Amino acid sequence: MKKSGIFLMILGVVLFLLYDLLIYARLRKEIRKGREASLSLREKILRTGETYDLPKQEEVRVCKGIETPFLCGFFKPVLVIPESMEETIDEKVLLHEMLHRKHHDVAVNFALHLLQAL
């Protein structure tokens, strides 16, 4: 393979990863704009974790404009809850998100993004 072809491949990988990083930074900025979860939601999360022997969820943010709960963050995952679901979220939905944390799915997704870039 010619040097120019290798250069273009490496450039493509770098650009793809920079784009992913930009999208991730924008998402984290939106999450920081969110507010802390209400006491009732934090208690529901704590009870769910205790019932199923899951790691304690340290940070929970409630955000406008988010349609579905998700986990975000590699080292200290943040549980993001849509504002519209804060008081009505089902324990099964919380359990689903908390199991993502237990099974390190954020790290798996990070690795998949790296593989996708390659």
PDB file of N, CA and C in Angstrom:
ATOM      1  N   MET A   1       0.839  -1.172   0.000  1.00  0.00           N
ATOM      2  CA  MET A   1       0.000   0.000   0.000  1.00  0.00           C
ATOM      3  C   MET A   1       0.890   1.242   0.000  1.00  0.00           C
ATOM      4  N   LYS A   2       0.482   2.233  -0.736  1.00  0.00           N
ATOM      5  CA  LYS A   2       1.255   3.466  -0.826  1.00  0.00           C
ATOM      6  C   LYS A   2       1.178   4.239   0.488  1.00  0.00           C
ATOM      7  N   LYS A   3       2.201   5.059   0.711  1.00  0.00           N
ATOM      8  CA  LYS A   3       2.226   5.884   1.922  1.00  0.00           C
ATOM      9  C   LYS A   3       1.035   6.820   1.988  1.00  0.00           C
ATOM     10  N   SER A   4       0.604   7.320   0.838  1.00  0.00           N
ATOM     11  CA  SER A   4      -0.536   8.247   0.841  1.00  0.00           C
ATOM     12  C   SER A   4      -1.820   7.533   1.272  1.00  0.00           C
ATOM     13  N   GLY A   5      -1.952   6.255   0.908  1.00  0.00           N
ATOM     14  CA  GLY A   5      -3.122   5.485   1.324  1.00  0.00           C
ATOM     15  C   GLY A   5      -3.136   5.250   2.817  1.00  0.00           C
ATOM     16  N   ILE A   6      -1.981   4.935   3.384  1.00  0.00           N
ATOM     17  CA  ILE A   6      -1.877   4.724   4.825  1.00  0.00           C
ATOM     18  C   ILE A   6      -2.167   6.033   5.555  1.00  0.00           C
ATOM     19  N   PHE A   7      -1.612   7.126   5.034  1.00  0.00           N
ATOM     20  CA  PHE A   7      -1.859   8.434   5.641  1.00  0.00           C
ATOM     21  C   PHE A   7      -3.353   8.752   5.645  1.00  0.00           C
ATOM     22  N   LEU A   8      -4.034   8.496   4.556  1.00  0.00           N
ATOM     23  CA  LEU A   8      -5.463   8.770   4.471  1.00  0.00           C
ATOM     24  C   LEU A   8      -6.264   7.902   5.442  1.00  0.00           C
ATOM     25  N   MET A   9      -5.844   6.654   5.599  1.00  0.00           N
ATOM     26  CA  MET A   9      -6.529   5.772   6.552  1.00  0.00           C
ATOM     27  C   MET A   9      -6.346   6.289   7.982  1.00  0.00           C
ATOM     28  N   ILE A  10      -5.121   6.658   8.326  1.00  0.00           N
ATOM     29  CA  ILE A  10      -4.856   7.175   9.670  1.00  0.00           C
ATOM     30  C   ILE A  10      -5.614   8.479   9.892  1.00  0.00           C
ATOM     31  N   LEU A  11      -5.632   9.336   8.887  1.00  0.00           N
ATOM     32  CA  LEU A  11      -6.371  10.595   8.985  1.00  0.00           C
ATOM     33  C   LEU A  11      -7.863  10.329   9.205  1.00  0.00           C
ATOM     34  N   GLY A  12      -8.407   9.348   8.513  1.00  0.00           N
ATOM     35  CA  GLY A  12      -9.816   8.987   8.683  1.00  0.00           C
ATOM     36  C   GLY A  12     -10.113   8.525  10.101  1.00  0.00           C
ATOM     37  N   VAL A  13      -9.234   7.698  10.657  1.00  0.00           N
ATOM     38  CA  VAL A  13      -9.407   7.213  12.030  1.00  0.00           C
ATOM     39  C   VAL A  13      -9.364   8.383  13.012  1.00  0.00           C
ATOM     40  N   VAL A  14      -8.379   9.256  12.838  1.00  0.00           N
ATOM     41  CA  VAL A  14      -8.232  10.403  13.737  1.00  0.00           C
ATOM     42  C   VAL A  14      -9.451  11.315  13.642  1.00  0.00           C
ATOM     43  N   LEU A  15      -9.921  11.604  12.437  1.00  0.00           N
ATOM     44  CA  LEU A  15     -11.082  12.471  12.266  1.00  0.00           C
ATOM     45  C   LEU A  15     -12.334  11.847  12.877  1.00  0.00           C
ATOM     46  N   PHE A  16     -12.508  10.552  12.697  1.00  0.00           N
ATOM     47  CA  PHE A  16     -13.648   9.845  13.277  1.00  0.00           C
ATOM     48  C   PHE A  16     -13.620   9.945  14.799  1.00  0.00           C
ATOM     49  N   LEU A  17     -12.445   9.729  15.401  1.00  0.00           N
ATOM     50  CA  LEU A  17     -12.327   9.788  16.856  1.00  0.00           C
ATOM     51  C   LEU A  17     -12.513  11.213  17.375  1.00  0.00           C
ATOM     52  N   LEU A  18     -12.018  12.203  16.643  1.00  0.00           N
ATOM     53  CA  LEU A  18     -12.235  13.597  17.039  1.00  0.00           C
ATOM     54  C   LEU A  18     -13.712  13.961  16.994  1.00  0.00           C
ATOM     55  N   TYR A  19     -14.409  13.479  15.978  1.00  0.00           N
ATOM     56  CA  TYR A  19     -15.841  13.720  15.873  1.00  0.00           C
ATOM     57  C   TYR A  19     -16.572  13.090  17.053  1.00  0.00           C
ATOM     58  N   ASP A  20     -16.235  11.836  17.376  1.00  0.00           N
ATOM     59  CA  ASP A  20     -16.838  11.169  18.535  1.00  0.00           C
ATOM     60  C   ASP A  20     -16.556  11.943  19.822  1.00  0.00           C
ATOM     61  N   LEU A  21     -15.342  12.424  19.978  1.00  0.00           N
ATOM     62  CA  LEU A  21     -14.962  13.180  21.164  1.00  0.00           C
ATOM     63  C   LEU A  21     -15.763  14.478  21.258  1.00  0.00           C
ATOM     64  N   LEU A  22     -15.972  15.142  20.147  1.00  0.00           N
ATOM     65  CA  LEU A  22     -16.760  16.377  20.119  1.00  0.00           C
ATOM     66  C   LEU A  22     -18.210  16.102  20.532  1.00  0.00           C
ATOM     67  N   ILE A  23     -18.799  15.060  19.983  1.00  0.00           N
ATOM     68  CA  ILE A  23     -20.176  14.695  20.329  1.00  0.00           C
ATOM     69  C   ILE A  23     -20.274  14.356  21.817  1.00  0.00           C
ATOM     70  N   TYR A  24     -19.302  13.623  22.323  1.00  0.00           N
ATOM     71  CA  TYR A  24     -19.289  13.247  23.737  1.00  0.00           C
ATOM     72  C   TYR A  24     -19.167  14.489  24.631  1.00  0.00           C
ATOM     73  N   ALA A  25     -18.297  15.422  24.252  1.00  0.00           N
ATOM     74  CA  ALA A  25     -18.117  16.649  25.038  1.00  0.00           C
ATOM     75  C   ALA A  25     -19.410  17.460  25.076  1.00  0.00           C
ATOM     76  N   ARG A  26     -20.109  17.527  23.961  1.00  0.00           N
ATOM     77  CA  ARG A  26     -21.383  18.250  23.922  1.00  0.00           C
ATOM     78  C   ARG A  26     -22.424  17.567  24.814  1.00  0.00           C
ATOM     79  N   LEU A  27     -22.446  16.245  24.804  1.00  0.00           N
ATOM     80  CA  LEU A  27     -23.376  15.502  25.651  1.00  0.00           C
ATOM     81  C   LEU A  27     -23.076  15.761  27.123  1.00  0.00           C
ATOM     82  N   ARG A  28     -21.804  15.711  27.499  1.00  0.00           N
ATOM     83  CA  ARG A  28     -21.431  15.961  28.900  1.00  0.00           C
ATOM     84  C   ARG A  28     -21.815  17.376  29.327  1.00  0.00           C
ATOM     85  N   LYS A  29     -21.684  18.336  28.417  1.00  0.00           N
ATOM     86  CA  LYS A  29     -22.073  19.713  28.713  1.00  0.00           C
ATOM     87  C   LYS A  29     -23.576  19.795  29.002  1.00  0.00           C
ATOM     88  N   GLU A  30     -24.379  19.102  28.205  1.00  0.00           N
ATOM     89  CA  GLU A  30     -25.825  19.081  28.421  1.00  0.00           C
ATOM     90  C   GLU A  30     -26.175  18.409  29.748  1.00  0.00           C
ATOM     91  N   ILE A  31     -25.454  17.350  30.081  1.00  0.00           N
ATOM     92  CA  ILE A  31     -25.703  16.656  31.344  1.00  0.00           C
ATOM     93  C   ILE A  31     -25.373  17.571  32.522  1.00  0.00           C
ATOM     94  N   ARG A  32     -24.289  18.324  32.426  1.00  0.00           N
ATOM     95  CA  ARG A  32     -23.927  19.259  33.507  1.00  0.00           C
ATOM     96  C   ARG A  32     -24.989  20.337  33.692  1.00  0.00           C
ATOM     97  N   LYS A  33     -25.709  20.676  32.623  1.00  0.00           N
ATOM     98  CA  LYS A  33     -26.785  21.667  32.721  1.00  0.00           C
ATOM     99  C   LYS A  33     -27.986  21.110  33.485  1.00  0.00           C
ATOM    100  N   GLY A  34     -28.095  19.803  33.523  1.00  0.00           N
ATOM    101  CA  GLY A  34     -29.201  19.169  34.246  1.00  0.00           C
ATOM    102  C   GLY A  34     -29.076  19.427  35.735  1.00  0.00           C
ATOM    103  N   ARG A  35     -30.090  19.004  36.465  1.00  0.00           N
ATOM    104  CA  ARG A  35     -30.080  19.225  37.910  1.00  0.00           C
ATOM    105  C   ARG A  35     -29.968  17.892  38.636  1.00  0.00           C
ATOM    106  N   GLU A  36     -29.697  17.993  39.921  1.00  0.00           N
ATOM    107  CA  GLU A  36     -29.623  16.786  40.737  1.00  0.00           C
ATOM    108  C   GLU A  36     -31.008  16.167  40.848  1.00  0.00           C
ATOM    109  N   ALA A  37     -31.033  14.885  41.029  1.00  0.00           N
ATOM    110  CA  ALA A  37     -32.301  14.167  41.153  1.00  0.00           C
ATOM    111  C   ALA A  37     -32.994  14.532  42.460  1.00  0.00           C
ATOM    112  N   SER A  38     -34.312  14.424  42.436  1.00  0.00           N
ATOM    113  CA  SER A  38     -35.096  14.674  43.639  1.00  0.00           C
ATOM    114  C   SER A  38     -34.789  13.607  44.692  1.00  0.00           C
ATOM    115  N   LEU A  39     -35.140  13.909  45.912  1.00  0.00           N
ATOM    116  CA  LEU A  39     -34.920  12.968  47.016  1.00  0.00           C
ATOM    117  C   LEU A  39     -35.674  11.664  46.766  1.00  0.00           C
ATOM    118  N   SER A  40     -36.905  11.754  46.272  1.00  0.00           N
ATOM    119  CA  SER A  40     -37.690  10.530  46.041  1.00  0.00           C
ATOM    120  C   SER A  40     -37.053   9.661  44.958  1.00  0.00           C
ATOM    121  N   LEU A  41     -36.501  10.265  43.926  1.00  0.00           N
ATOM    122  CA  LEU A  41     -35.837   9.481  42.881  1.00  0.00           C
ATOM    123  C   LEU A  41     -34.550   8.864  43.415  1.00  0.00           C
ATOM    124  N   ARG A  42     -33.773   9.619  44.162  1.00  0.00           N
ATOM    125  CA  ARG A  42     -32.535   9.070  44.726  1.00  0.00           C
ATOM    126  C   ARG A  42     -32.836   7.896  45.652  1.00  0.00           C
ATOM    127  N   GLU A  43     -33.923   8.007  46.438  1.00  0.00           N
ATOM    128  CA  GLU A  43     -34.307   6.905  47.324  1.00  0.00           C
ATOM    129  C   GLU A  43     -34.731   5.677  46.519  1.00  0.00           C
ATOM    130  N   LYS A  44     -35.468   5.896  45.435  1.00  0.00           N
ATOM    131  CA  LYS A  44     -35.899   4.783  44.587  1.00  0.00           C
ATOM    132  C   LYS A  44     -34.682   4.083  43.966  1.00  0.00           C
ATOM    133  N   ILE A  45     -33.695   4.848  43.555  1.00  0.00           N
ATOM    134  CA  ILE A  45     -32.469   4.279  42.986  1.00  0.00           C
ATOM    135  C   ILE A  45     -31.711   3.501  44.045  1.00  0.00           C
ATOM    136  N   LEU A  46     -31.620   4.055  45.246  1.00  0.00           N
ATOM    137  CA  LEU A  46     -30.934   3.379  46.348  1.00  0.00           C
ATOM    138  C   LEU A  46     -31.617   2.059  46.690  1.00  0.00           C
ATOM    139  N   ARG A  47     -32.960   2.081  46.791  1.00  0.00           N
ATOM    140  CA  ARG A  47     -33.705   0.845  47.091  1.00  0.00           C
ATOM    141  C   ARG A  47     -33.498  -0.203  45.999  1.00  0.00           C
ATOM    142  N   THR A  48     -33.531   0.243  44.739  1.00  0.00           N
ATOM    143  CA  THR A  48     -33.342  -0.697  43.624  1.00  0.00           C
ATOM    144  C   THR A  48     -31.965  -1.330  43.708  1.00  0.00           C
ATOM    145  N   GLY A  49     -30.953  -0.522  43.965  1.00  0.00           N
ATOM    146  CA  GLY A  49     -29.589  -1.048  44.082  1.00  0.00           C
ATOM    147  C   GLY A  49     -29.444  -2.030  45.222  1.00  0.00           C
ATOM    148  N   GLU A  50     -30.055  -1.706  46.351  1.00  0.00           N
ATOM    149  CA  GLU A  50     -29.975  -2.603  47.510  1.00  0.00           C
ATOM    150  C   GLU A  50     -30.731  -3.897  47.260  1.00  0.00           C
ATOM    151  N   THR A  51     -31.893  -3.806  46.626  1.00  0.00           N
ATOM    152  CA  THR A  51     -32.702  -5.000  46.353  1.00  0.00           C
ATOM    153  C   THR A  51     -31.951  -5.994  45.483  1.00  0.00           C
ATOM    154  N   TYR A  52     -31.220  -5.495  44.496  1.00  0.00           N
ATOM    155  CA  TYR A  52     -30.542  -6.367  43.530  1.00  0.00           C
ATOM    156  C   TYR A  52     -29.032  -6.426  43.745  1.00  0.00           C
ATOM    157  N   ASP A  53     -28.562  -5.935  44.891  1.00  0.00           N
ATOM    158  CA  ASP A  53     -27.144  -5.974  45.247  1.00  0.00           C
ATOM    159  C   ASP A  53     -26.262  -5.386  44.141  1.00  0.00           C
ATOM    160  N   LEU A  54     -26.570  -4.143  43.774  1.00  0.00           N
ATOM    161  CA  LEU A  54     -25.838  -3.449  42.716  1.00  0.00           C
ATOM    162  C   LEU A  54     -24.959  -2.363  43.321  1.00  0.00           C
ATOM    163  N   PRO A  55     -23.914  -1.953  42.596  1.00  0.00           N
ATOM    164  CA  PRO A  55     -23.068  -0.867  43.099  1.00  0.00           C
ATOM    165  C   PRO A  55     -23.880   0.411  43.291  1.00  0.00           C
ATOM    166  N   LYS A  56     -23.519   1.186  44.292  1.00  0.00           N
ATOM    167  CA  LYS A  56     -24.223   2.432  44.579  1.00  0.00           C
ATOM    168  C   LYS A  56     -24.021   3.415  43.428  1.00  0.00           C
ATOM    169  N   GLN A  57     -25.107   4.005  42.984  1.00  0.00           N
ATOM    170  CA  GLN A  57     -25.059   5.005  41.918  1.00  0.00           C
ATOM    171  C   GLN A  57     -24.818   6.365  42.558  1.00  0.00           C
ATOM    172  N   GLU A  58     -23.617   6.899  42.388  1.00  0.00           N
ATOM    173  CA  GLU A  58     -23.229   8.141  43.050  1.00  0.00           C
ATOM    174  C   GLU A  58     -23.920   9.366  42.473  1.00  0.00           C
ATOM    175  N   GLU A  59     -23.863   9.522  41.169  1.00  0.00           N
ATOM    176  CA  GLU A  59     -24.397  10.746  40.569  1.00  0.00           C
ATOM    177  C   GLU A  59     -25.578  10.438  39.657  1.00  0.00           C
ATOM    178  N   VAL A  60     -26.641  11.202  39.856  1.00  0.00           N
ATOM    179  CA  VAL A  60     -27.848  11.094  39.036  1.00  0.00           C
ATOM    180  C   VAL A  60     -28.225  12.508  38.613  1.00  0.00           C
ATOM    181  N   ARG A  61     -28.399  12.717  37.314  1.00  0.00           N
ATOM    182  CA  ARG A  61     -28.780  14.028  36.793  1.00  0.00           C
ATOM    183  C   ARG A  61     -30.120  13.905  36.084  1.00  0.00           C
ATOM    184  N   VAL A  62     -30.939  14.919  36.245  1.00  0.00           N
ATOM    185  CA  VAL A  62     -32.241  14.990  35.576  1.00  0.00           C
ATOM    186  C   VAL A  62     -32.124  16.081  34.520  1.00  0.00           C
ATOM    187  N   CYS A  63     -32.417  15.717  33.278  1.00  0.00           N
ATOM    188  CA  CYS A  63     -32.185  16.642  32.165  1.00  0.00           C
ATOM    189  C   CYS A  63     -33.424  16.833  31.308  1.00  0.00           C
ATOM    190  N   LYS A  64     -33.604  18.055  30.845  1.00  0.00           N
ATOM    191  CA  LYS A  64     -34.644  18.367  29.866  1.00  0.00           C
ATOM    192  C   LYS A  64     -34.154  17.924  28.489  1.00  0.00           C
ATOM    193  N   GLY A  65     -35.098  17.616  27.620  1.00  0.00           N
ATOM    194  CA  GLY A  65     -34.749  17.291  26.243  1.00  0.00           C
ATOM    195  C   GLY A  65     -34.181  15.902  26.047  1.00  0.00           C
ATOM    196  N   ILE A  66     -34.108  15.120  27.095  1.00  0.00           N
ATOM    197  CA  ILE A  66     -33.622  13.741  27.005  1.00  0.00           C
ATOM    198  C   ILE A  66     -34.865  12.854  26.973  1.00  0.00           C
ATOM    199  N   GLU A  67     -34.875  11.881  26.068  1.00  0.00           N
ATOM    200  CA  GLU A  67     -36.074  11.055  25.915  1.00  0.00           C
ATOM    201  C   GLU A  67     -36.016   9.733  26.653  1.00  0.00           C
ATOM    202  N   THR A  68     -34.812   9.279  26.951  1.00  0.00           N
ATOM    203  CA  THR A  68     -34.680   7.969  27.578  1.00  0.00           C
ATOM    204  C   THR A  68     -33.537   7.989  28.593  1.00  0.00           C
ATOM    205  N   PRO A  69     -33.644   7.226  29.664  1.00  0.00           N
ATOM    206  CA  PRO A  69     -32.547   7.166  30.631  1.00  0.00           C
ATOM    207  C   PRO A  69     -31.321   6.510  30.007  1.00  0.00           C
ATOM    208  N   PHE A  70     -30.150   6.911  30.463  1.00  0.00           N
ATOM    209  CA  PHE A  70     -28.918   6.273  30.008  1.00  0.00           C
ATOM    210  C   PHE A  70     -27.807   6.531  31.007  1.00  0.00           C
ATOM    211  N   LEU A  71     -26.743   5.808  30.825  1.00  0.00           N
ATOM    212  CA  LEU A  71     -25.562   5.926  31.662  1.00  0.00           C
ATOM    213  C   LEU A  71     -24.476   6.585  30.831  1.00  0.00           C
ATOM    214  N   CYS A  72     -23.769   7.546  31.404  1.00  0.00           N
ATOM    215  CA  CYS A  72     -22.741   8.263  30.651  1.00  0.00           C
ATOM    216  C   CYS A  72     -21.512   8.449  31.525  1.00  0.00           C
ATOM    217  N   GLY A  73     -20.368   8.098  31.001  1.00  0.00           N
ATOM    218  CA  GLY A  73     -19.119   8.324  31.722  1.00  0.00           C
ATOM    219  C   GLY A  73     -18.345   7.039  31.909  1.00  0.00           C
ATOM    220  N   PHE A  74     -17.060   7.138  31.662  1.00  0.00           N
ATOM    221  CA  PHE A  74     -16.190   5.965  31.702  1.00  0.00           C
ATOM    222  C   PHE A  74     -15.751   5.633  33.128  1.00  0.00           C
ATOM    223  N   PHE A  75     -15.237   6.615  33.848  1.00  0.00           N
ATOM    224  CA  PHE A  75     -14.689   6.343  35.175  1.00  0.00           C
ATOM    225  C   PHE A  75     -15.727   6.474  36.288  1.00  0.00           C
ATOM    226  N   LYS A  76     -16.565   7.496  36.204  1.00  0.00           N
ATOM    227  CA  LYS A  76     -17.620   7.707  37.201  1.00  0.00           C
ATOM    228  C   LYS A  76     -18.932   7.872  36.448  1.00  0.00           C
ATOM    229  N   PRO A  77     -19.563   6.777  36.089  1.00  0.00           N
ATOM    230  CA  PRO A  77     -20.792   6.870  35.286  1.00  0.00           C
ATOM    231  C   PRO A  77     -21.890   7.680  35.971  1.00  0.00           C
ATOM    232  N   VAL A  78     -22.514   8.525  35.194  1.00  0.00           N
ATOM    233  CA  VAL A  78     -23.624   9.350  35.649  1.00  0.00           C
ATOM    234  C   VAL A  78     -24.903   8.742  35.080  1.00  0.00           C
ATOM    235  N   LEU A  79     -25.881   8.545  35.932  1.00  0.00           N
ATOM    236  CA  LEU A  79     -27.183   8.069  35.482  1.00  0.00           C
ATOM    237  C   LEU A  79     -28.004   9.297  35.093  1.00  0.00           C
ATOM    238  N   VAL A  80     -28.420   9.364  33.836  1.00  0.00           N
ATOM    239  CA  VAL A  80     -29.176  10.502  33.322  1.00  0.00           C
ATOM    240  C   VAL A  80     -30.632  10.083  33.167  1.00  0.00           C
ATOM    241  N   ILE A  81     -31.507  10.862  33.775  1.00  0.00           N
ATOM    242  CA  ILE A  81     -32.937  10.577  33.751  1.00  0.00           C
ATOM    243  C   ILE A  81     -33.657  11.741  33.066  1.00  0.00           C
ATOM    244  N   PRO A  82     -34.548  11.445  32.126  1.00  0.00           N
ATOM    245  CA  PRO A  82     -35.331  12.528  31.515  1.00  0.00           C
ATOM    246  C   PRO A  82     -36.209  13.206  32.569  1.00  0.00           C
ATOM    247  N   GLU A  83     -36.335  14.501  32.462  1.00  0.00           N
ATOM    248  CA  GLU A  83     -37.154  15.247  33.408  1.00  0.00           C
ATOM    249  C   GLU A  83     -38.590  14.712  33.443  1.00  0.00           C
ATOM    250  N   SER A  84     -39.086  14.307  32.280  1.00  0.00           N
ATOM    251  CA  SER A  84     -40.468  13.829  32.194  1.00  0.00           C
ATOM    252  C   SER A  84     -40.688  12.503  32.926  1.00  0.00           C
ATOM    253  N   MET A  85     -39.607  11.799  33.264  1.00  0.00           N
ATOM    254  CA  MET A  85     -39.729  10.501  33.929  1.00  0.00           C
ATOM    255  C   MET A  85     -39.308  10.536  35.393  1.00  0.00           C
ATOM    256  N   GLU A  86     -38.893  11.671  35.885  1.00  0.00           N
ATOM    257  CA  GLU A  86     -38.288  11.731  37.216  1.00  0.00           C
ATOM    258  C   GLU A  86     -39.160  11.115  38.304  1.00  0.00           C
ATOM    259  N   GLU A  87     -40.416  11.428  38.330  1.00  0.00           N
ATOM    260  CA  GLU A  87     -41.283  10.934  39.399  1.00  0.00           C
ATOM    261  C   GLU A  87     -42.005   9.638  39.045  1.00  0.00           C
ATOM    262  N   THR A  88     -41.987   9.257  37.782  1.00  0.00           N
ATOM    263  CA  THR A  88     -42.768   8.084  37.369  1.00  0.00           C
ATOM    264  C   THR A  88     -41.916   6.918  36.877  1.00  0.00           C
ATOM    265  N   ILE A  89     -40.615   7.057  36.917  1.00  0.00           N
ATOM    266  CA  ILE A  89     -39.747   6.018  36.349  1.00  0.00           C
ATOM    267  C   ILE A  89     -39.948   4.693  37.086  1.00  0.00           C
ATOM    268  N   ASP A  90     -40.007   3.647  36.312  1.00  0.00           N
ATOM    269  CA  ASP A  90     -40.253   2.307  36.833  1.00  0.00           C
ATOM    270  C   ASP A  90     -38.961   1.688  37.363  1.00  0.00           C
ATOM    271  N   GLU A  91     -39.076   0.878  38.403  1.00  0.00           N
ATOM    272  CA  GLU A  91     -37.910   0.200  38.968  1.00  0.00           C
ATOM    273  C   GLU A  91     -37.195  -0.656  37.928  1.00  0.00           C
ATOM    274  N   LYS A  92     -37.944  -1.250  37.013  1.00  0.00           N
ATOM    275  CA  LYS A  92     -37.322  -2.100  35.980  1.00  0.00           C
ATOM    276  C   LYS A  92     -36.413  -1.292  35.069  1.00  0.00           C
ATOM    277  N   VAL A  93     -36.798  -0.064  34.774  1.00  0.00           N
ATOM    278  CA  VAL A  93     -35.968   0.808  33.938  1.00  0.00           C
ATOM    279  C   VAL A  93     -34.691   1.171  34.688  1.00  0.00           C
ATOM    280  N   LEU A  94     -34.829   1.504  35.969  1.00  0.00           N
ATOM    281  CA  LEU A  94     -33.651   1.801  36.780  1.00  0.00           C
ATOM    282  C   LEU A  94     -32.734   0.586  36.875  1.00  0.00           C
ATOM    283  N   LEU A  95     -33.318  -0.566  37.091  1.00  0.00           N
ATOM    284  CA  LEU A  95     -32.545  -1.797  37.165  1.00  0.00           C
ATOM    285  C   LEU A  95     -31.767  -2.023  35.871  1.00  0.00           C
ATOM    286  N   HIS A  96     -32.431  -1.822  34.754  1.00  0.00           N
ATOM    287  CA  HIS A  96     -31.786  -1.980  33.448  1.00  0.00           C
ATOM    288  C   HIS A  96     -30.538  -1.096  33.350  1.00  0.00           C
ATOM    289  N   GLU A  97     -30.687   0.174  33.694  1.00  0.00           N
ATOM    290  CA  GLU A  97     -29.555   1.108  33.609  1.00  0.00           C
ATOM    291  C   GLU A  97     -28.471   0.766  34.618  1.00  0.00           C
ATOM    292  N   MET A  98     -28.863   0.351  35.801  1.00  0.00           N
ATOM    293  CA  MET A  98     -27.887   0.021  36.829  1.00  0.00           C
ATOM    294  C   MET A  98     -27.123  -1.256  36.488  1.00  0.00           C
ATOM    295  N   LEU A  99     -27.767  -2.160  35.773  1.00  0.00           N
ATOM    296  CA  LEU A  99     -27.059  -3.365  35.313  1.00  0.00           C
ATOM    297  C   LEU A  99     -26.020  -3.021  34.247  1.00  0.00           C
ATOM    298  N   HIS A 100     -26.283  -1.988  33.446  1.00  0.00           N
ATOM    299  CA  HIS A 100     -25.259  -1.526  32.494  1.00  0.00           C
ATOM    300  C   HIS A 100     -23.988  -1.146  33.250  1.00  0.00           C
ATOM    301  N   ARG A 101     -24.170  -0.484  34.383  1.00  0.00           N
ATOM    302  CA  ARG A 101     -23.003  -0.090  35.180  1.00  0.00           C
ATOM    303  C   ARG A 101     -22.298  -1.316  35.760  1.00  0.00           C
ATOM    304  N   LYS A 102     -23.074  -2.217  36.307  1.00  0.00           N
ATOM    305  CA  LYS A 102     -22.483  -3.415  36.926  1.00  0.00           C
ATOM    306  C   LYS A 102     -21.653  -4.209  35.932  1.00  0.00           C
ATOM    307  N   HIS A 103     -22.131  -4.281  34.694  1.00  0.00           N
ATOM    308  CA  HIS A 103     -21.456  -5.086  33.664  1.00  0.00           C
ATOM    309  C   HIS A 103     -20.485  -4.278  32.809  1.00  0.00           C
ATOM    310  N   HIS A 104     -20.194  -3.046  33.231  1.00  0.00           N
ATOM    311  CA  HIS A 104     -19.192  -2.188  32.573  1.00  0.00           C
ATOM    312  C   HIS A 104     -19.487  -1.963  31.087  1.00  0.00           C
ATOM    313  N   ASP A 105     -20.752  -1.788  30.776  1.00  0.00           N
ATOM    314  CA  ASP A 105     -21.146  -1.603  29.379  1.00  0.00           C
ATOM    315  C   ASP A 105     -20.632  -0.293  28.780  1.00  0.00           C
ATOM    316  N   VAL A 106     -20.397   0.721  29.608  1.00  0.00           N
ATOM    317  CA  VAL A 106     -19.846   1.975  29.091  1.00  0.00           C
ATOM    318  C   VAL A 106     -18.440   1.726  28.553  1.00  0.00           C
ATOM    319  N   ALA A 107     -17.651   0.942  29.278  1.00  0.00           N
ATOM    320  CA  ALA A 107     -16.297   0.611  28.815  1.00  0.00           C
ATOM    321  C   ALA A 107     -16.353  -0.222  27.534  1.00  0.00           C
ATOM    322  N   VAL A 108     -17.298  -1.127  27.455  1.00  0.00           N
ATOM    323  CA  VAL A 108     -17.463  -1.939  26.246  1.00  0.00           C
ATOM    324  C   VAL A 108     -17.823  -1.042  25.066  1.00  0.00           C
ATOM    325  N   ASN A 109     -18.730  -0.092  25.283  1.00  0.00           N
ATOM    326  CA  ASN A 109     -19.100   0.831  24.202  1.00  0.00           C
ATOM    327  C   ASN A 109     -17.913   1.674  23.765  1.00  0.00           C
ATOM    328  N   PHE A 110     -17.081   2.081  24.722  1.00  0.00           N
ATOM    329  CA  PHE A 110     -15.876   2.845  24.391  1.00  0.00           C
ATOM    330  C   PHE A 110     -14.961   2.011  23.490  1.00  0.00           C
ATOM    331  N   ALA A 111     -14.743   0.758  23.861  1.00  0.00           N
ATOM    332  CA  ALA A 111     -13.906  -0.128  23.052  1.00  0.00           C
ATOM    333  C   ALA A 111     -14.518  -0.337  21.666  1.00  0.00           C
ATOM    334  N   LEU A 112     -15.820  -0.463  21.589  1.00  0.00           N
ATOM    335  CA  LEU A 112     -16.478  -0.636  20.291  1.00  0.00           C
ATOM    336  C   LEU A 112     -16.314   0.601  19.408  1.00  0.00           C
ATOM    337  N   HIS A 113     -16.339   1.784  20.007  1.00  0.00           N
ATOM    338  CA  HIS A 113     -16.107   3.013  19.233  1.00  0.00           C
ATOM    339  C   HIS A 113     -14.684   3.030  18.671  1.00  0.00           C
ATOM    340  N   LEU A 114     -13.718   2.589  19.463  1.00  0.00           N
ATOM    341  CA  LEU A 114     -12.349   2.520  18.954  1.00  0.00           C
ATOM    342  C   LEU A 114     -12.234   1.536  17.795  1.00  0.00           C
ATOM    343  N   LEU A 115     -12.862   0.380  17.960  1.00  0.00           N
ATOM    344  CA  LEU A 115     -12.848  -0.603  16.874  1.00  0.00           C
ATOM    345  C   LEU A 115     -13.569  -0.089  15.633  1.00  0.00           C
ATOM    346  N   GLN A 116     -14.652   0.605  15.838  1.00  0.00           N
ATOM    347  CA  GLN A 116     -15.397   1.168  14.710  1.00  0.00           C
ATOM    348  C   GLN A 116     -14.549   2.189  13.958  1.00  0.00           C
ATOM    349  N   ALA A 117     -13.771   2.972  14.700  1.00  0.00           N
ATOM    350  CA  ALA A 117     -12.897   3.952  14.055  1.00  0.00           C
ATOM    351  C   ALA A 117     -11.868   3.266  13.170  1.00  0.00           C
ATOM    352  N   LEU A 118     -11.375   2.126  13.650  1.00  0.00           N
ATOM    353  CA  LEU A 118     -10.370   1.388  12.855  1.00  0.00           C
ATOM    354  C   LEU A 118     -11.016   0.734  11.660  1.00  0.00           C
TER     355      LEU A 118
END
